[in-house]
């Protein structure tokens, strides 16, 4: 296992951040800067809500679904499992692929499940890669039946590109699953961790960029969290 005990699994936001086709990227404009003779530096930041590592709330594909500001904080933190599916050729991850990895009823899973595929190797490229692995509809339905409440995926969408149906999104979000997309899991070994993924606190939106990290369970204890992912009273 890596010597690191805390992993930053977020993408850096900047002009080189890959963006899903048709969505706005990241723009940084300097309003003041030392090079302009100013006495301070101030920038203006513009981006879409689904850029880089981000959260999809049910409202994204469910009419009258919960917006980001209605999701309890408990859905963004807790014990999580990283499952290695990088050996699956794709392009679609199926229910059968998940079953071979132990993701199927009645197996007990943490509320937060992070899927590492060969996509993580693509996230360092500035250009969008349409050959990414995505979730087949039966895989999304399996995750719902397994009781997963928060799902992390390592590319910018769980559905295939140019797909008008968005079956995986709709199955997950209709069931109330909170979806993290664009997680960089390339150097994270499979196993159980403590996950923290906090989106921007935006009102009445369907999504937002997020900063996500993983802590080894032993490391999490330093922050008052025991190995089960629960808070330790009294430190």
C-alpha atoms as a PDB file:
ATOM      1  CA  UNK A   1       0.000   0.000   0.000  1.00  0.00           C
ATOM      2  CA  UNK A   2       1.129   3.559  -0.663  1.00  0.00           C
ATOM      3  CA  UNK A   3       2.927   5.322   2.188  1.00  0.00           C
ATOM      4  CA  UNK A   4       0.395   8.127   1.870  1.00  0.00           C
ATOM      5  CA  UNK A   5      -2.390   8.031   4.414  1.00  0.00           C
ATOM      6  CA  UNK A   6      -4.491  10.784   2.862  1.00  0.00           C
ATOM      7  CA  UNK A   7      -5.319  10.764  -0.844  1.00  0.00           C
ATOM      8  CA  UNK A   8      -6.594  13.788  -2.734  1.00  0.00           C
ATOM      9  CA  UNK A   9      -8.866  12.202  -5.340  1.00  0.00           C
ATOM     10  CA  UNK A  10     -10.061  15.474  -6.868  1.00  0.00           C
ATOM     11  CA  UNK A  11      -9.167  16.919 -10.257  1.00  0.00           C
ATOM     12  CA  UNK A  12      -7.453  20.290 -10.379  1.00  0.00           C
ATOM     13  CA  UNK A  13      -9.698  22.971 -11.872  1.00  0.00           C
ATOM     14  CA  UNK A  14      -8.194  25.090 -14.626  1.00  0.00           C
ATOM     15  CA  UNK A  15      -8.250  25.675 -18.381  1.00  0.00           C
ATOM     16  CA  UNK A  16      -6.740  22.198 -18.925  1.00  0.00           C
ATOM     17  CA  UNK A  17      -9.424  20.343 -16.968  1.00  0.00           C
ATOM     18  CA  UNK A  18     -11.280  17.910 -19.278  1.00  0.00           C
ATOM     19  CA  UNK A  19     -14.908  18.883 -19.827  1.00  0.00           C
ATOM     20  CA  UNK A  20     -17.899  16.847 -20.955  1.00  0.00           C
ATOM     21  CA  UNK A  21     -18.869  17.955 -24.504  1.00  0.00           C
ATOM     22  CA  UNK A  22     -21.324  20.830 -24.587  1.00  0.00           C
ATOM     23  CA  UNK A  23     -20.675  21.949 -21.018  1.00  0.00           C
ATOM     24  CA  UNK A  24     -18.715  25.061 -20.018  1.00  0.00           C
ATOM     25  CA  UNK A  25     -15.143  24.673 -18.892  1.00  0.00           C
ATOM     26  CA  UNK A  26     -13.075  26.661 -16.451  1.00  0.00           C
ATOM     27  CA  UNK A  27     -12.190  30.295 -17.107  1.00  0.00           C
ATOM     28  CA  UNK A  28      -9.994  32.375 -14.818  1.00  0.00           C
ATOM     29  CA  UNK A  29      -9.793  36.117 -15.481  1.00  0.00           C
ATOM     30  CA  UNK A  30      -7.499  38.384 -13.514  1.00  0.00           C
ATOM     31  CA  UNK A  31      -9.342  41.516 -12.420  1.00  0.00           C
ATOM     32  CA  UNK A  32      -6.281  42.756 -10.545  1.00  0.00           C
ATOM     33  CA  UNK A  33      -2.727  41.446 -10.690  1.00  0.00           C
ATOM     34  CA  UNK A  34       0.761  42.431  -9.672  1.00  0.00           C
ATOM     35  CA  UNK A  35       1.885  42.297 -13.309  1.00  0.00           C
ATOM     36  CA  UNK A  36      -0.712  44.972 -14.131  1.00  0.00           C
ATOM     37  CA  UNK A  37       0.681  47.335 -11.547  1.00  0.00           C
ATOM     38  CA  UNK A  38      -2.009  46.550  -8.978  1.00  0.00           C
ATOM     39  CA  UNK A  39      -1.355  46.304  -5.258  1.00  0.00           C
ATOM     40  CA  UNK A  40      -3.213  42.996  -4.927  1.00  0.00           C
ATOM     41  CA  UNK A  41      -4.328  40.023  -6.990  1.00  0.00           C
ATOM     42  CA  UNK A  42      -8.031  39.248  -7.500  1.00  0.00           C
ATOM     43  CA  UNK A  43      -9.449  36.815 -10.045  1.00  0.00           C
ATOM     44  CA  UNK A  44     -12.876  35.956 -11.386  1.00  0.00           C
ATOM     45  CA  UNK A  45     -13.744  32.289 -11.801  1.00  0.00           C
ATOM     46  CA  UNK A  46     -16.343  30.898 -14.211  1.00  0.00           C
ATOM     47  CA  UNK A  47     -17.310  27.242 -14.699  1.00  0.00           C
ATOM     48  CA  UNK A  48     -20.245  24.876 -15.059  1.00  0.00           C
ATOM     49  CA  UNK A  49     -21.642  22.869 -12.183  1.00  0.00           C
ATOM     50  CA  UNK A  50     -20.461  19.574 -13.713  1.00  0.00           C
ATOM     51  CA  UNK A  51     -16.813  20.401 -14.266  1.00  0.00           C
ATOM     52  CA  UNK A  52     -13.960  18.339 -12.847  1.00  0.00           C
ATOM     53  CA  UNK A  53     -14.724  16.312  -9.735  1.00  0.00           C
ATOM     54  CA  UNK A  54     -18.351  17.106  -9.030  1.00  0.00           C
ATOM     55  CA  UNK A  55     -21.568  15.939  -7.385  1.00  0.00           C
ATOM     56  CA  UNK A  56     -24.837  15.146  -9.151  1.00  0.00           C
ATOM     57  CA  UNK A  57     -27.936  15.668  -7.016  1.00  0.00           C
ATOM     58  CA  UNK A  58     -31.228  13.904  -7.894  1.00  0.00           C
ATOM     59  CA  UNK A  59     -32.549  17.163  -9.412  1.00  0.00           C
ATOM     60  CA  UNK A  60     -30.064  16.673 -12.260  1.00  0.00           C
ATOM     61  CA  UNK A  61     -32.304  14.080 -13.933  1.00  0.00           C
ATOM     62  CA  UNK A  62     -35.354  13.804 -11.668  1.00  0.00           C
ATOM     63  CA  UNK A  63     -38.042  16.455 -11.911  1.00  0.00           C
ATOM     64  CA  UNK A  64     -38.745  17.800  -8.415  1.00  0.00           C
ATOM     65  CA  UNK A  65     -35.815  15.730  -7.120  1.00  0.00           C
ATOM     66  CA  UNK A  66     -33.666  16.985  -4.268  1.00  0.00           C
ATOM     67  CA  UNK A  67     -31.281  19.789  -5.091  1.00  0.00           C
ATOM     68  CA  UNK A  68     -27.801  19.918  -3.689  1.00  0.00           C
ATOM     69  CA  UNK A  69     -28.825  22.083  -0.743  1.00  0.00           C
ATOM     70  CA  UNK A  70     -31.358  19.452   0.400  1.00  0.00           C
ATOM     71  CA  UNK A  71     -28.871  16.592   0.683  1.00  0.00           C
ATOM     72  CA  UNK A  72     -27.776  15.809   4.278  1.00  0.00           C
ATOM     73  CA  UNK A  73     -24.075  16.231   4.996  1.00  0.00           C
ATOM     74  CA  UNK A  74     -23.952  12.590   6.103  1.00  0.00           C
ATOM     75  CA  UNK A  75     -24.165  11.589   2.442  1.00  0.00           C
ATOM     76  CA  UNK A  76     -20.855  13.304   1.718  1.00  0.00           C
ATOM     77  CA  UNK A  77     -18.745  11.701   4.456  1.00  0.00           C
ATOM     78  CA  UNK A  78     -18.313   8.215   5.872  1.00  0.00           C
ATOM     79  CA  UNK A  79     -16.762   4.817   5.461  1.00  0.00           C
ATOM     80  CA  UNK A  80     -16.233   3.988   1.807  1.00  0.00           C
ATOM     81  CA  UNK A  81     -14.972   1.091  -0.252  1.00  0.00           C
ATOM     82  CA  UNK A  82     -12.786   1.423  -3.336  1.00  0.00           C
ATOM     83  CA  UNK A  83     -13.429  -1.478  -5.707  1.00  0.00           C
ATOM     84  CA  UNK A  84     -10.956  -2.185  -8.509  1.00  0.00           C
ATOM     85  CA  UNK A  85     -12.733  -2.840 -11.805  1.00  0.00           C
ATOM     86  CA  UNK A  86      -9.836  -1.763 -14.014  1.00  0.00           C
ATOM     87  CA  UNK A  87      -9.596  -5.242 -15.495  1.00  0.00           C
ATOM     88  CA  UNK A  88     -13.060  -4.998 -17.037  1.00  0.00           C
ATOM     89  CA  UNK A  89     -12.598  -4.292 -20.763  1.00  0.00           C
ATOM     90  CA  UNK A  90     -15.823  -2.341 -21.156  1.00  0.00           C
ATOM     91  CA  UNK A  91     -16.960  -0.214 -22.734  1.00  0.00           C
ATOM     92  CA  UNK A  92     -19.862  -0.931 -20.360  1.00  0.00           C
ATOM     93  CA  UNK A  93     -19.583  -2.226 -16.808  1.00  0.00           C
ATOM     94  CA  UNK A  94     -22.370  -4.753 -16.408  1.00  0.00           C
ATOM     95  CA  UNK A  95     -24.138  -6.315 -13.457  1.00  0.00           C
ATOM     96  CA  UNK A  96     -22.045  -9.402 -14.143  1.00  0.00           C
ATOM     97  CA  UNK A  97     -18.833  -7.400 -13.781  1.00  0.00           C
ATOM     98  CA  UNK A  98     -20.052  -6.040 -10.458  1.00  0.00           C
ATOM     99  CA  UNK A  99     -21.061  -9.488  -9.242  1.00  0.00           C
ATOM    100  CA  UNK A 100     -17.578 -10.853  -9.956  1.00  0.00           C
ATOM    101  CA  UNK A 101     -16.209  -8.045  -7.770  1.00  0.00           C
ATOM    102  CA  UNK A 102     -18.567  -8.961  -4.934  1.00  0.00           C
ATOM    103  CA  UNK A 103     -21.061  -6.179  -5.621  1.00  0.00           C
ATOM    104  CA  UNK A 104     -24.412  -7.931  -5.621  1.00  0.00           C
ATOM    105  CA  UNK A 105     -27.252  -8.593  -3.180  1.00  0.00           C
ATOM    106  CA  UNK A 106     -27.210  -9.806  -0.448  1.00  0.00           C
ATOM    107  CA  UNK A 107     -23.554  -8.857   0.087  1.00  0.00           C
ATOM    108  CA  UNK A 108     -23.155  -6.099   2.658  1.00  0.00           C
ATOM    109  CA  UNK A 109     -21.524  -2.931   1.371  1.00  0.00           C
ATOM    110  CA  UNK A 110     -20.691   0.445   2.896  1.00  0.00           C
ATOM    111  CA  UNK A 111     -23.089   3.275   2.079  1.00  0.00           C
ATOM    112  CA  UNK A 112     -20.358   4.887  -0.029  1.00  0.00           C
ATOM    113  CA  UNK A 113     -18.922   2.893  -2.931  1.00  0.00           C
ATOM    114  CA  UNK A 114     -16.163   4.145  -5.246  1.00  0.00           C
ATOM    115  CA  UNK A 115     -15.561   2.344  -8.544  1.00  0.00           C
ATOM    116  CA  UNK A 116     -12.036   2.437  -9.959  1.00  0.00           C
ATOM    117  CA  UNK A 117     -11.910   1.552 -13.645  1.00  0.00           C
ATOM    118  CA  UNK A 118      -9.413   2.103 -16.428  1.00  0.00           C
ATOM    119  CA  UNK A 119     -10.942   5.585 -16.688  1.00  0.00           C
ATOM    120  CA  UNK A 120      -8.655   6.927 -13.972  1.00  0.00           C
ATOM    121  CA  UNK A 121      -5.766   6.738 -16.440  1.00  0.00           C
ATOM    122  CA  UNK A 122      -7.672   9.087 -18.773  1.00  0.00           C
ATOM    123  CA  UNK A 123      -8.241  11.865 -16.264  1.00  0.00           C
ATOM    124  CA  UNK A 124      -4.794  13.377 -16.734  1.00  0.00           C
ATOM    125  CA  UNK A 125      -5.600  14.254 -20.339  1.00  0.00           C
ATOM    126  CA  UNK A 126      -6.961  17.701 -21.158  1.00  0.00           C
ATOM    127  CA  UNK A 127      -9.084  16.388 -24.016  1.00  0.00           C
ATOM    128  CA  UNK A 128     -12.352  14.592 -23.328  1.00  0.00           C
ATOM    129  CA  UNK A 129     -12.058  10.867 -24.084  1.00  0.00           C
ATOM    130  CA  UNK A 130     -15.262   9.360 -25.529  1.00  0.00           C
ATOM    131  CA  UNK A 131     -13.872   5.823 -25.114  1.00  0.00           C
ATOM    132  CA  UNK A 132     -14.345   5.860 -21.334  1.00  0.00           C
ATOM    133  CA  UNK A 133     -15.959   2.996 -19.428  1.00  0.00           C
ATOM    134  CA  UNK A 134     -19.549   3.634 -18.323  1.00  0.00           C
ATOM    135  CA  UNK A 135     -22.265   1.845 -16.351  1.00  0.00           C
ATOM    136  CA  UNK A 136     -24.726  -0.418 -18.114  1.00  0.00           C
ATOM    137  CA  UNK A 137     -28.329   0.067 -16.929  1.00  0.00           C
ATOM    138  CA  UNK A 138     -28.332  -3.315 -15.170  1.00  0.00           C
ATOM    139  CA  UNK A 139     -25.195  -2.301 -13.246  1.00  0.00           C
ATOM    140  CA  UNK A 140     -26.876   0.882 -12.024  1.00  0.00           C
ATOM    141  CA  UNK A 141     -29.921  -1.118 -10.943  1.00  0.00           C
ATOM    142  CA  UNK A 142     -27.679  -3.582  -9.085  1.00  0.00           C
ATOM    143  CA  UNK A 143     -26.045  -0.745  -7.158  1.00  0.00           C
ATOM    144  CA  UNK A 144     -29.469   0.529  -6.128  1.00  0.00           C
ATOM    145  CA  UNK A 145     -30.542  -2.948  -4.973  1.00  0.00           C
ATOM    146  CA  UNK A 146     -27.310  -3.235  -2.968  1.00  0.00           C
ATOM    147  CA  UNK A 147     -28.326  -0.176  -0.978  1.00  0.00           C
ATOM    148  CA  UNK A 148     -25.491   2.069  -2.134  1.00  0.00           C
ATOM    149  CA  UNK A 149     -26.367   5.612  -1.068  1.00  0.00           C
ATOM    150  CA  UNK A 150     -23.378   7.486  -2.472  1.00  0.00           C
ATOM    151  CA  UNK A 151     -21.531   6.332  -5.584  1.00  0.00           C
ATOM    152  CA  UNK A 152     -18.187   7.555  -6.873  1.00  0.00           C
ATOM    153  CA  UNK A 153     -17.076   7.071 -10.471  1.00  0.00           C
ATOM    154  CA  UNK A 154     -13.782   7.890 -12.148  1.00  0.00           C
ATOM    155  CA  UNK A 155     -14.903   9.732 -15.256  1.00  0.00           C
ATOM    156  CA  UNK A 156     -17.158  12.649 -16.123  1.00  0.00           C
ATOM    157  CA  UNK A 157     -20.305  10.588 -16.682  1.00  0.00           C
ATOM    158  CA  UNK A 158     -21.698   7.191 -15.727  1.00  0.00           C
ATOM    159  CA  UNK A 159     -23.571   7.010 -19.052  1.00  0.00           C
ATOM    160  CA  UNK A 160     -22.140   6.576 -22.550  1.00  0.00           C
ATOM    161  CA  UNK A 161     -21.347   9.724 -24.545  1.00  0.00           C
ATOM    162  CA  UNK A 162     -24.093  11.156 -26.758  1.00  0.00           C
ATOM    163  CA  UNK A 163     -26.657   8.956 -25.005  1.00  0.00           C
ATOM    164  CA  UNK A 164     -29.996  10.818 -24.813  1.00  0.00           C
ATOM    165  CA  UNK A 165     -31.561   8.330 -22.379  1.00  0.00           C
ATOM    166  CA  UNK A 166     -29.034   8.564 -19.516  1.00  0.00           C
ATOM    167  CA  UNK A 167     -30.387   5.335 -18.039  1.00  0.00           C
ATOM    168  CA  UNK A 168     -27.696   4.935 -15.373  1.00  0.00           C
ATOM    169  CA  UNK A 169     -28.073   8.514 -14.161  1.00  0.00           C
ATOM    170  CA  UNK A 170     -31.844   8.185 -13.992  1.00  0.00           C
ATOM    171  CA  UNK A 171     -31.805   4.841 -12.160  1.00  0.00           C
ATOM    172  CA  UNK A 172     -29.324   6.059  -9.551  1.00  0.00           C
ATOM    173  CA  UNK A 173     -30.704   9.546  -8.990  1.00  0.00           C
ATOM    174  CA  UNK A 174     -34.342   8.410  -8.939  1.00  0.00           C
ATOM    175  CA  UNK A 175     -33.375   6.096  -6.070  1.00  0.00           C
ATOM    176  CA  UNK A 176     -31.824   9.019  -4.189  1.00  0.00           C
ATOM    177  CA  UNK A 177     -28.216   7.967  -4.778  1.00  0.00           C
ATOM    178  CA  UNK A 178     -25.756  10.862  -4.552  1.00  0.00           C
ATOM    179  CA  UNK A 179     -23.319  10.633  -7.445  1.00  0.00           C
ATOM    180  CA  UNK A 180     -19.695  11.777  -7.496  1.00  0.00           C
ATOM    181  CA  UNK A 181     -18.143  11.867 -10.959  1.00  0.00           C
ATOM    182  CA  UNK A 182     -14.599  12.668 -12.013  1.00  0.00           C
ATOM    183  CA  UNK A 183     -12.858  11.035  -9.038  1.00  0.00           C
ATOM    184  CA  UNK A 184      -9.185  10.271  -9.638  1.00  0.00           C
ATOM    185  CA  UNK A 185      -8.657   6.835  -8.110  1.00  0.00           C
ATOM    186  CA  UNK A 186      -5.597   5.914 -10.179  1.00  0.00           C
ATOM    187  CA  UNK A 187      -3.179   5.531  -7.250  1.00  0.00           C
ATOM    188  CA  UNK A 188      -5.631   4.426  -4.578  1.00  0.00           C
ATOM    189  CA  UNK A 189      -5.391   0.733  -3.648  1.00  0.00           C
ATOM    190  CA  UNK A 190      -8.694  -1.112  -3.312  1.00  0.00           C
ATOM    191  CA  UNK A 191     -10.012  -1.340   0.212  1.00  0.00           C
ATOM    192  CA  UNK A 192     -11.955   0.502   2.881  1.00  0.00           C
ATOM    193  CA  UNK A 193     -11.346   4.167   3.702  1.00  0.00           C
ATOM    194  CA  UNK A 194     -12.957   7.197   5.269  1.00  0.00           C
ATOM    195  CA  UNK A 195     -14.323   9.435   2.513  1.00  0.00           C
ATOM    196  CA  UNK A 196     -14.860  13.186   2.594  1.00  0.00           C
ATOM    197  CA  UNK A 197     -16.357  14.826  -0.482  1.00  0.00           C
ATOM    198  CA  UNK A 198     -17.736  18.319   0.030  1.00  0.00           C
ATOM    199  CA  UNK A 199     -19.413  20.157  -2.851  1.00  0.00           C
ATOM    200  CA  UNK A 200     -19.710  23.914  -2.974  1.00  0.00           C
ATOM    201  CA  UNK A 201     -22.658  25.069  -0.899  1.00  0.00           C
ATOM    202  CA  UNK A 202     -24.805  26.271  -3.798  1.00  0.00           C
ATOM    203  CA  UNK A 203     -28.511  26.976  -3.415  1.00  0.00           C
ATOM    204  CA  UNK A 204     -31.124  25.263  -5.585  1.00  0.00           C
ATOM    205  CA  UNK A 205     -28.687  23.634  -7.998  1.00  0.00           C
ATOM    206  CA  UNK A 206     -28.489  20.146  -9.452  1.00  0.00           C
ATOM    207  CA  UNK A 207     -24.753  19.777  -8.900  1.00  0.00           C
ATOM    208  CA  UNK A 208     -21.481  21.433  -7.977  1.00  0.00           C
ATOM    209  CA  UNK A 209     -17.728  20.885  -8.108  1.00  0.00           C
ATOM    210  CA  UNK A 210     -16.336  19.146  -5.026  1.00  0.00           C
ATOM    211  CA  UNK A 211     -13.086  18.508  -3.185  1.00  0.00           C
ATOM    212  CA  UNK A 212     -12.816  14.825  -2.315  1.00  0.00           C
ATOM    213  CA  UNK A 213     -10.252  12.994  -0.192  1.00  0.00           C
ATOM    214  CA  UNK A 214      -9.767   9.518   1.219  1.00  0.00           C
ATOM    215  CA  UNK A 215      -8.191   8.752   4.575  1.00  0.00           C
ATOM    216  CA  UNK A 216      -6.918   5.385   5.706  1.00  0.00           C
ATOM    217  CA  UNK A 217      -9.131   4.258   8.557  1.00  0.00           C
ATOM    218  CA  UNK A 218      -6.156   4.316  10.913  1.00  0.00           C
ATOM    219  CA  UNK A 219      -5.454   7.921   9.882  1.00  0.00           C
ATOM    220  CA  UNK A 220      -9.109   8.852  10.350  1.00  0.00           C
ATOM    221  CA  UNK A 221      -8.830   8.038  14.053  1.00  0.00           C
ATOM    222  CA  UNK A 222      -6.641  11.113  14.472  1.00  0.00           C
ATOM    223  CA  UNK A 223      -9.701  13.128  13.528  1.00  0.00           C
ATOM    224  CA  UNK A 224     -11.949  11.363  16.039  1.00  0.00           C
ATOM    225  CA  UNK A 225     -13.213   8.642  13.667  1.00  0.00           C
ATOM    226  CA  UNK A 226     -12.891   4.958  14.564  1.00  0.00           C
ATOM    227  CA  UNK A 227     -12.110   2.144  12.128  1.00  0.00           C
ATOM    228  CA  UNK A 228     -15.784   1.573  11.431  1.00  0.00           C
ATOM    229  CA  UNK A 229     -16.087   5.146  10.173  1.00  0.00           C
ATOM    230  CA  UNK A 230     -18.030   6.319  13.233  1.00  0.00           C
ATOM    231  CA  UNK A 231     -17.246   9.279  15.445  1.00  0.00           C
ATOM    232  CA  UNK A 232     -15.268   8.476  18.584  1.00  0.00           C
ATOM    233  CA  UNK A 233     -16.688  10.286  21.607  1.00  0.00           C
ATOM    234  CA  UNK A 234     -14.062  12.015  23.682  1.00  0.00           C
ATOM    235  CA  UNK A 235     -11.393  11.716  20.989  1.00  0.00           C
END
